[in-house]
Amino acid sequence: MSDGAAPDVPLSRNRNYTILWTGQLFSEFAAELTLIAFPLLILSMAGSPLQMGLASSVLAVAMTAAVAPAGVLADRWDRKKIMLICQALRALAISSLAAALYLDSYTFGHLLAVAVVEGVLGSVFQPAEHAALPTVVPESQLSNAVARNAARPFVAMLLGPVAAGYLFALNPISPFLANAVILTISLATMLFLRLPRGGAGAEPAGEPRPQAGFGGQFAEGVRWMLGHRVIRTTMAWAVVANMVFSALLIIILTMSNEDEVGPGEIGLMMASFGLGGIAGAMAAGWLHDVLKPSVVVLGFSWILPAAVALMAVVPTGLPLGAVLGVAAFFAPVANTVVMTYQITATPDELRGRLSGLAALASGAAAAFGPMIGAFLLAGLGDGRKAVLVCAAGLLVVALASTASPVLRRFPAAKPSEAEPVSA
């Protein structure tokens, strides 16, 4: 069983898991709406490309800056309350922007303030949801739950941009109203969430726990992560792979533009990436059960450079999209193996901090990856050569993974493997 008293019923009938899954899906879908609606609004208000870039940067910086403190918060306060407050304040912030548009009182400063609120609270919501998962799902079903969770970002990436563009074409206020409604529905749904008492996210009455300050608790989480060999290794493995793949996406989009691939076909090419990820998430739970963890981790490490090398020779557009989809298929499978181990090996009182640290590492990879891609394009002057450099980088990751005793003998998820906090 899980840490809490979750009944051993199918996930589809697990009420609390369904609420958690839906709440995070709404959160990610709302974030995707915002990501597209902000630049569309700035352009419609005769804003400059500088304003567009500034708004995107403010949103990204707010998200990245908040994830580590958010992990500490998820370990020291009631996780349900955190999620409810986040959704309520996000809905209020985005509603204020819709009201400003309706009243014809829009200002760019107002949009930036909403971007900060959206970035910070979206990041605060995520570790609380991640840390709550093992308390509502039986241990025997945790890998399937993680696999289903892996599908959510791909669903949001597929639907969010399309919905934002369509709604904005109807009326510039529409995507912001829709965002507020989605977050309000999420808030209303999560009122019915039941988390077991006594975990890190909910303090038992009459038994207040002595707590260090935010800085001390964050340092405690970092020490624990660095002291756990498997988690430390998988974190580094994921960061490097994500950074190279983020660089690759910029290179592919540039190549497609240079080859005069139409916007519609580029959209379908990137949709293939999302569809591949959804398909992989659907198969991830089953593959986790039938394959050894080390086979999944090392297999993905070698499939990725092979797929990227193939991208250097296939035509841009739909053929390249098909290869992207194949690569995306295996990502949720590997993530399910790694995340299931991390969740079960981490004590409940540290799960929020681990989630925050993982999100911080992922955000850093996503921030530096595009810059690396741009430097490769500028330095090599040829997109296909840049793709081959990315493939070579991933080949180095595959070789290092194979040489690593930790990844070569990646352990199955066992709660007994949780290690004590380092001093």
Protein backbone atom coordinates (compact mmCIF):
# COMPACT_ATOMS: atom_id res chain seq x y z
CA MET A 1 0.00 0.00 0.00
CA SER A 2 0.94 3.65 -0.32
CA ASP A 3 1.80 5.94 2.59
CA GLY A 4 -1.87 6.76 3.11
CA ALA A 5 -4.98 4.67 3.22
CA ALA A 6 -5.71 4.62 -0.49
CA PRO A 7 -7.98 1.66 -1.31
CA ASP A 8 -6.59 -0.95 -3.65
CA VAL A 9 -9.04 -0.24 -6.47
CA PRO A 10 -8.37 0.41 -10.18
CA LEU A 11 -6.96 3.86 -10.86
CA SER A 12 -10.03 4.72 -12.94
CA ARG A 13 -12.13 4.29 -9.78
CA ASN A 14 -9.66 5.93 -7.40
CA ARG A 15 -11.47 9.17 -6.61
CA ASN A 16 -8.53 11.02 -5.08
CA TYR A 17 -6.13 10.06 -7.85
CA THR A 18 -8.64 11.21 -10.48
CA ILE A 19 -8.97 14.57 -8.73
CA LEU A 20 -5.18 14.99 -8.55
CA TRP A 21 -4.69 13.98 -12.19
CA THR A 22 -7.44 16.29 -13.42
CA GLY A 23 -6.29 19.18 -11.27
CA GLN A 24 -2.76 19.06 -12.67
CA LEU A 25 -4.05 18.60 -16.23
CA PHE A 26 -6.15 21.75 -15.84
CA SER A 27 -3.13 23.53 -14.38
CA GLU A 28 -0.90 22.56 -17.31
CA PHE A 29 -3.61 23.30 -19.88
CA ALA A 30 -4.14 26.76 -18.36
CA ALA A 31 -0.37 27.36 -18.47
CA GLU A 32 -0.26 26.43 -22.17
CA LEU A 33 -3.16 28.80 -22.90
CA THR A 34 -1.29 31.60 -21.16
CA LEU A 35 1.96 30.83 -22.94
CA ILE A 36 0.33 31.42 -26.34
CA ALA A 37 -2.27 34.04 -25.38
CA PHE A 38 0.26 36.47 -23.89
CA PRO A 39 2.28 37.04 -27.10
CA LEU A 40 -0.92 37.13 -29.18
CA LEU A 41 -2.31 39.84 -26.91
CA ILE A 42 0.92 41.85 -26.99
CA LEU A 43 0.98 41.77 -30.79
CA SER A 44 -2.69 42.76 -31.03
CA MET A 45 -1.97 45.77 -28.79
CA ALA A 46 0.78 46.90 -31.17
CA GLY A 47 3.41 45.72 -28.76
CA SER A 48 7.00 45.27 -29.82
CA PRO A 49 8.98 42.02 -30.16
CA LEU A 50 10.95 43.29 -27.15
CA GLN A 51 7.77 43.27 -25.06
CA MET A 52 6.97 39.76 -26.27
CA GLY A 53 10.42 38.53 -25.31
CA LEU A 54 10.27 40.30 -21.95
CA ALA A 55 6.90 38.76 -21.08
CA SER A 56 8.09 35.28 -21.99
CA SER A 57 11.30 35.75 -20.00
CA VAL A 58 9.43 37.06 -16.94
CA LEU A 59 7.11 34.04 -17.05
CA ALA A 60 10.03 31.60 -17.41
CA VAL A 61 12.12 33.27 -14.67
CA ALA A 62 9.17 33.32 -12.27
CA MET A 63 8.52 29.62 -12.87
CA THR A 64 12.16 28.63 -12.43
CA ALA A 65 12.75 30.82 -9.38
CA ALA A 66 9.71 29.42 -7.56
CA VAL A 67 10.20 25.66 -7.98
CA ALA A 68 12.87 25.11 -5.31
CA PRO A 69 11.09 27.12 -2.54
CA ALA A 70 7.84 25.45 -3.68
CA GLY A 71 9.31 22.05 -2.89
CA VAL A 72 10.14 23.16 0.65
CA LEU A 73 6.63 24.58 1.06
CA ALA A 74 5.10 21.28 -0.06
CA ASP A 75 7.06 19.49 2.69
CA ARG A 76 6.17 21.87 5.52
CA TRP A 77 2.52 22.83 4.89
CA ASP A 78 -0.81 21.20 4.00
CA ARG A 79 -0.48 20.15 0.35
CA LYS A 80 -4.20 20.36 -0.40
CA LYS A 81 -4.33 23.96 0.88
CA ILE A 82 -1.32 24.85 -1.26
CA MET A 83 -3.02 23.56 -4.40
CA LEU A 84 -6.33 25.26 -3.61
CA ILE A 85 -4.71 28.63 -2.90
CA CYS A 86 -2.61 28.42 -6.07
CA GLN A 87 -5.61 27.77 -8.31
CA ALA A 88 -7.70 30.47 -6.62
CA LEU A 89 -5.03 33.17 -6.94
CA ARG A 90 -4.18 32.18 -10.52
CA ALA A 91 -7.86 32.42 -11.47
CA LEU A 92 -8.11 35.86 -9.84
CA ALA A 93 -4.96 37.13 -11.56
CA ILE A 94 -5.98 36.00 -15.04
CA SER A 95 -9.55 37.29 -14.45
CA SER A 96 -8.12 40.73 -13.64
CA LEU A 97 -6.44 40.77 -17.05
CA ALA A 98 -9.70 39.76 -18.77
CA ALA A 99 -11.51 42.53 -16.86
CA ALA A 100 -8.87 45.07 -17.89
CA LEU A 101 -9.35 44.11 -21.54
CA TYR A 102 -13.14 44.38 -21.19
CA LEU A 103 -12.82 47.82 -19.59
CA ASP A 104 -10.24 48.91 -22.18
CA SER A 105 -7.68 49.58 -19.43
CA TYR A 106 -5.00 47.09 -20.49
CA THR A 107 -1.39 47.95 -19.68
CA PHE A 108 1.78 45.98 -20.36
CA GLY A 109 2.79 46.34 -16.71
CA HIS A 110 -0.45 44.60 -15.68
CA LEU A 111 0.32 41.72 -18.03
CA LEU A 112 3.82 41.37 -16.56
CA ALA A 113 2.38 41.25 -13.04
CA VAL A 114 -0.04 38.50 -14.10
CA ALA A 115 2.87 36.64 -15.72
CA VAL A 116 4.75 36.69 -12.40
CA VAL A 117 1.72 35.38 -10.50
CA GLU A 118 1.07 32.67 -13.11
CA GLY A 119 4.71 31.57 -13.21
CA VAL A 120 5.18 31.45 -9.44
CA LEU A 121 1.87 29.79 -8.52
CA GLY A 122 2.01 27.30 -11.38
CA SER A 123 5.38 26.18 -10.05
CA VAL A 124 4.18 26.08 -6.43
CA PHE A 125 1.24 23.83 -7.39
CA GLN A 126 3.38 21.16 -9.07
CA PRO A 127 5.55 19.85 -6.16
CA ALA A 128 2.50 19.70 -3.87
CA GLU A 129 0.65 17.56 -6.43
CA HIS A 130 3.67 15.33 -7.07
CA ALA A 131 4.33 14.79 -3.37
CA ALA A 132 0.66 13.97 -2.71
CA LEU A 133 0.53 11.23 -5.37
CA PRO A 134 1.99 8.32 -3.31
CA THR A 135 -0.45 9.07 -0.46
CA VAL A 136 -3.51 8.34 -2.63
CA VAL A 137 -2.23 5.55 -4.90
CA PRO A 138 -1.33 2.02 -3.72
CA GLU A 139 2.32 1.12 -4.23
CA SER A 140 1.33 -1.66 -6.66
CA GLN A 141 -0.28 0.93 -8.96
CA LEU A 142 2.26 3.72 -8.59
CA SER A 143 4.06 3.03 -11.87
CA ASN A 144 0.76 3.11 -13.78
CA ALA A 145 -0.17 6.38 -12.05
CA VAL A 146 3.20 7.92 -12.95
CA ALA A 147 2.78 6.74 -16.56
CA ARG A 148 -0.66 8.35 -16.79
CA ASN A 149 0.74 11.53 -15.30
CA ALA A 150 3.41 11.54 -18.00
CA ALA A 151 0.68 11.91 -20.63
CA ARG A 152 -0.62 15.18 -19.19
CA PRO A 153 2.07 17.57 -20.51
CA PHE A 154 1.74 16.12 -24.00
CA VAL A 155 -2.07 16.47 -23.91
CA ALA A 156 -1.71 20.07 -22.73
CA MET A 157 0.90 20.81 -25.42
CA LEU A 158 -1.39 19.41 -28.11
CA LEU A 159 -4.59 21.17 -27.07
CA GLY A 160 -3.39 24.37 -25.41
CA PRO A 161 -1.86 26.23 -28.38
CA VAL A 162 -4.73 25.28 -30.69
CA ALA A 163 -7.35 26.37 -28.15
CA ALA A 164 -5.52 29.63 -27.41
CA GLY A 165 -5.28 30.57 -31.09
CA TYR A 166 -8.92 29.69 -31.81
CA LEU A 167 -10.27 31.50 -28.76
CA PHE A 168 -8.14 34.59 -29.41
CA ALA A 169 -9.45 34.73 -32.99
CA LEU A 170 -13.01 34.80 -31.58
CA ASN A 171 -12.20 37.57 -29.11
CA PRO A 172 -8.95 38.63 -27.40
CA ILE A 173 -10.66 38.27 -24.01
CA SER A 174 -11.76 34.66 -24.67
CA PRO A 175 -8.54 32.73 -23.85
CA PHE A 176 -8.18 34.59 -20.55
CA LEU A 177 -11.80 33.97 -19.57
CA ALA A 178 -11.40 30.30 -20.53
CA ASN A 179 -8.23 30.14 -18.43
CA ALA A 180 -10.04 31.56 -15.41
CA VAL A 181 -12.94 29.13 -15.85
CA ILE A 182 -10.57 26.14 -16.15
CA LEU A 183 -8.72 27.11 -12.98
CA THR A 184 -12.00 27.68 -11.13
CA ILE A 185 -13.26 24.23 -12.15
CA SER A 186 -9.96 22.76 -10.96
CA LEU A 187 -10.35 24.59 -7.64
CA ALA A 188 -13.93 23.35 -7.19
CA THR A 189 -12.93 19.77 -8.00
CA MET A 190 -10.00 19.76 -5.61
CA LEU A 191 -12.20 20.84 -2.71
CA PHE A 192 -13.29 17.18 -2.64
CA LEU A 193 -9.72 15.83 -2.49
CA ARG A 194 -8.93 13.80 0.61
CA LEU A 195 -5.30 13.43 1.64
CA PRO A 196 -4.37 11.22 4.60
CA ARG A 197 -3.41 13.05 7.76
CA GLY A 198 -0.03 12.71 9.37
CA GLY A 199 2.21 13.10 6.30
CA ALA A 200 4.52 15.96 5.61
CA GLY A 201 1.80 17.84 3.83
CA ALA A 202 -0.69 17.76 6.71
CA GLU A 203 0.34 18.25 10.34
CA PRO A 204 -1.56 16.18 12.91
CA ALA A 205 -3.48 18.27 15.42
CA GLY A 206 -1.62 18.86 18.66
CA GLU A 207 1.70 17.55 17.31
CA PRO A 208 3.50 20.47 15.66
CA ARG A 209 6.78 19.40 14.17
CA PRO A 210 9.95 21.43 14.85
CA GLN A 211 11.06 22.89 11.55
CA ALA A 212 14.14 24.64 10.32
CA GLY A 213 13.86 27.72 8.15
CA PHE A 214 13.30 27.59 4.41
CA GLY A 215 17.00 27.76 3.69
CA GLY A 216 17.83 24.96 6.12
CA GLN A 217 15.10 22.70 4.77
CA PHE A 218 16.14 23.37 1.18
CA ALA A 219 19.75 22.53 2.05
CA GLU A 220 18.54 19.36 3.77
CA GLY A 221 16.79 18.31 0.55
CA VAL A 222 19.88 19.03 -1.54
CA ARG A 223 22.08 17.03 0.84
CA TRP A 224 19.71 14.10 0.74
CA MET A 225 19.56 14.12 -3.06
CA LEU A 226 23.35 14.36 -3.42
CA GLY A 227 23.79 11.62 -0.83
CA HIS A 228 21.50 9.19 -2.68
CA ARG A 229 23.59 7.67 -5.44
CA VAL A 230 20.76 6.46 -7.69
CA ILE A 231 18.72 9.67 -7.55
CA ARG A 232 21.83 11.82 -7.95
CA THR A 233 22.86 9.88 -11.06
CA THR A 234 19.42 9.83 -12.69
CA MET A 235 19.01 13.56 -12.07
CA ALA A 236 22.26 14.31 -13.91
CA TRP A 237 21.33 11.87 -16.69
CA ALA A 238 17.96 13.54 -17.22
CA VAL A 239 19.37 17.09 -17.17
CA VAL A 240 21.98 16.43 -19.86
CA ALA A 241 19.56 14.51 -22.10
CA ASN A 242 16.88 17.22 -21.74
CA MET A 243 19.36 20.00 -22.46
CA VAL A 244 20.54 18.38 -25.70
CA PHE A 245 16.98 17.63 -26.78
CA SER A 246 15.90 21.23 -26.07
CA ALA A 247 18.73 22.41 -28.31
CA LEU A 248 17.61 19.97 -30.97
CA LEU A 249 14.08 21.36 -31.13
CA ILE A 250 15.37 24.88 -31.90
CA ILE A 251 17.60 23.47 -34.62
CA ILE A 252 14.75 21.48 -36.17
CA LEU A 253 12.42 24.49 -36.26
CA THR A 254 15.16 26.59 -37.89
CA MET A 255 15.85 23.87 -40.47
CA SER A 256 12.14 23.63 -41.29
CA ASN A 257 11.91 27.38 -41.80
CA GLU A 258 14.99 27.38 -44.06
CA ASP A 259 13.48 24.52 -46.09
CA GLU A 260 10.31 26.65 -46.50
CA VAL A 261 8.09 24.14 -44.73
CA GLY A 262 4.67 25.77 -44.27
CA PRO A 263 3.40 26.79 -40.82
CA GLY A 264 0.65 24.18 -41.01
CA GLU A 265 3.08 21.36 -41.68
CA ILE A 266 5.41 22.62 -38.94
CA GLY A 267 2.45 22.50 -36.59
CA LEU A 268 1.71 18.90 -37.62
CA MET A 269 5.38 18.03 -37.24
CA MET A 270 5.38 19.26 -33.64
CA ALA A 271 1.99 17.64 -33.02
CA SER A 272 3.62 14.33 -33.95
CA PHE A 273 5.96 14.89 -31.03
CA GLY A 274 2.98 15.29 -28.70
CA LEU A 275 1.15 12.27 -30.12
CA GLY A 276 4.26 10.13 -29.71
CA GLY A 277 4.52 11.20 -26.09
CA ILE A 278 0.86 10.37 -25.40
CA ALA A 279 1.24 6.94 -27.02
CA GLY A 280 4.38 6.30 -24.96
CA ALA A 281 2.61 7.32 -21.77
CA MET A 282 -0.22 4.88 -22.55
CA ALA A 283 2.29 2.03 -22.93
CA ALA A 284 4.65 3.10 -20.14
CA GLY A 285 2.88 1.34 -17.28
CA TRP A 286 2.82 -1.99 -19.10
CA LEU A 287 6.44 -1.69 -20.28
CA HIS A 288 7.49 -0.78 -16.74
CA ASP A 289 5.98 -4.05 -15.53
CA VAL A 290 7.45 -6.34 -18.20
CA LEU A 291 10.95 -4.87 -18.66
CA LYS A 292 13.79 -4.57 -16.19
CA PRO A 293 14.39 -0.94 -15.16
CA SER A 294 17.98 -1.05 -16.43
CA VAL A 295 16.78 -2.23 -19.85
CA VAL A 296 14.41 0.74 -20.11
CA VAL A 297 16.96 3.33 -18.97
CA LEU A 298 19.83 2.06 -21.13
CA GLY A 299 17.52 1.30 -24.05
CA PHE A 300 16.24 4.88 -24.09
CA SER A 301 19.80 6.17 -23.76
CA TRP A 302 20.74 4.37 -27.02
CA ILE A 303 17.49 4.87 -28.94
CA LEU A 304 17.67 8.64 -28.55
CA PRO A 305 21.03 9.25 -30.32
CA ALA A 306 20.02 6.81 -33.09
CA ALA A 307 16.73 8.68 -33.65
CA VAL A 308 18.46 12.08 -33.62
CA ALA A 309 21.12 10.91 -36.09
CA LEU A 310 18.26 9.81 -38.38
CA MET A 311 16.79 13.33 -38.16
CA ALA A 312 19.91 14.64 -39.89
CA VAL A 313 19.02 12.78 -43.09
CA VAL A 314 15.21 12.63 -43.29
CA PRO A 315 13.34 15.53 -44.98
CA THR A 316 11.92 18.25 -42.75
CA GLY A 317 8.18 18.39 -42.23
CA LEU A 318 6.05 15.30 -41.65
CA PRO A 319 8.88 12.73 -42.18
CA LEU A 320 10.95 14.47 -39.51
CA GLY A 321 7.83 14.71 -37.34
CA ALA A 322 7.44 10.93 -37.53
CA VAL A 323 10.98 10.44 -36.18
CA LEU A 324 10.29 13.00 -33.46
CA GLY A 325 7.20 11.01 -32.51
CA VAL A 326 9.24 7.82 -32.21
CA ALA A 327 11.75 9.55 -29.92
CA ALA A 328 8.92 11.06 -27.86
CA PHE A 329 7.30 7.62 -27.47
CA PHE A 330 10.17 6.32 -25.36
CA ALA A 331 10.55 9.40 -23.13
CA PRO A 332 7.51 8.70 -20.87
CA VAL A 333 8.60 5.06 -20.56
CA ALA A 334 12.01 6.06 -19.20
CA ASN A 335 10.50 8.81 -17.07
CA THR A 336 8.05 6.34 -15.51
CA VAL A 337 10.86 4.00 -14.46
CA VAL A 338 12.97 6.82 -13.02
CA MET A 339 10.16 8.74 -11.33
CA THR A 340 8.57 5.62 -9.80
CA TYR A 341 11.91 4.77 -8.21
CA GLN A 342 12.46 8.34 -7.03
CA ILE A 343 9.00 8.60 -5.45
CA THR A 344 9.19 5.29 -3.61
CA ALA A 345 12.80 5.76 -2.48
CA THR A 346 12.16 9.26 -1.11
CA PRO A 347 10.68 9.71 2.39
CA ASP A 348 7.34 11.51 2.37
CA GLU A 349 8.74 14.50 4.25
CA LEU A 350 11.26 15.08 1.42
CA ARG A 351 9.13 14.38 -1.66
CA GLY A 352 8.15 18.00 -2.21
CA ARG A 353 11.77 19.11 -2.15
CA LEU A 354 12.82 16.35 -4.54
CA SER A 355 10.07 17.40 -6.95
CA GLY A 356 11.15 21.04 -6.66
CA LEU A 357 14.81 20.17 -7.30
CA ALA A 358 13.87 18.01 -10.29
CA ALA A 359 11.76 20.84 -11.72
CA LEU A 360 14.59 23.32 -11.13
CA ALA A 361 17.02 21.06 -13.00
CA SER A 362 14.52 20.56 -15.82
CA GLY A 363 13.92 24.31 -16.05
CA ALA A 364 17.65 24.98 -16.24
CA ALA A 365 18.00 22.41 -19.02
CA ALA A 366 15.09 23.98 -20.90
CA ALA A 367 16.65 27.44 -20.50
CA PHE A 368 20.17 26.55 -21.64
CA GLY A 369 19.21 24.06 -24.35
CA PRO A 370 17.84 26.60 -26.87
CA MET A 371 20.93 28.77 -26.34
CA ILE A 372 23.15 25.79 -27.14
CA GLY A 373 21.10 25.11 -30.27
CA ALA A 374 21.44 28.73 -31.38
CA PHE A 375 25.23 28.68 -30.85
CA LEU A 376 25.53 25.45 -32.83
CA LEU A 377 23.54 26.92 -35.72
CA ALA A 378 25.62 30.11 -35.69
CA GLY A 379 28.92 28.28 -35.41
CA LEU A 380 28.29 25.51 -37.95
CA GLY A 381 26.03 27.39 -40.36
CA ASP A 382 24.26 24.14 -41.22
CA GLY A 383 21.25 22.75 -39.37
CA ARG A 384 21.95 19.13 -40.28
CA LYS A 385 25.50 19.36 -38.97
CA ALA A 386 24.10 20.82 -35.77
CA VAL A 387 21.70 17.85 -35.51
CA LEU A 388 24.65 15.48 -35.85
CA VAL A 389 26.45 17.31 -33.04
CA CYS A 390 23.36 16.79 -30.85
CA ALA A 391 23.35 13.11 -31.80
CA ALA A 392 27.03 12.92 -30.84
CA GLY A 393 26.25 14.55 -27.49
CA LEU A 394 23.51 12.01 -26.83
CA LEU A 395 25.88 9.22 -27.88
CA VAL A 396 28.28 10.37 -25.16
CA VAL A 397 25.36 10.24 -22.69
CA ALA A 398 24.56 6.68 -23.86
CA LEU A 399 28.18 5.57 -23.44
CA ALA A 400 28.39 7.15 -20.00
CA SER A 401 25.09 5.53 -19.01
CA THR A 402 26.33 2.11 -20.09
CA ALA A 403 29.57 2.63 -18.18
CA SER A 404 27.70 3.72 -15.04
CA PRO A 405 27.22 0.87 -12.52
CA VAL A 406 24.16 2.67 -11.14
CA LEU A 407 22.31 2.85 -14.47
CA ARG A 408 23.58 -0.50 -15.72
CA ARG A 409 22.09 -2.12 -12.62
CA PHE A 410 19.23 0.29 -12.11
CA PRO A 411 17.22 -1.01 -9.12
CA ALA A 412 13.53 -1.75 -9.05
CA ALA A 413 11.48 0.65 -6.95
CA LYS A 414 11.45 -0.46 -3.32
CA PRO A 415 10.33 1.75 -0.44
CA SER A 416 12.92 0.06 1.80
CA GLU A 417 15.66 1.62 -0.30
CA ALA A 418 14.93 5.09 1.04
CA GLU A 419 18.13 6.39 2.58
CA PRO A 420 18.33 8.60 5.70
CA VAL A 421 18.96 12.31 5.44
CA SER A 422 22.65 13.10 5.41
CA ALA A 423 23.97 15.28 8.17
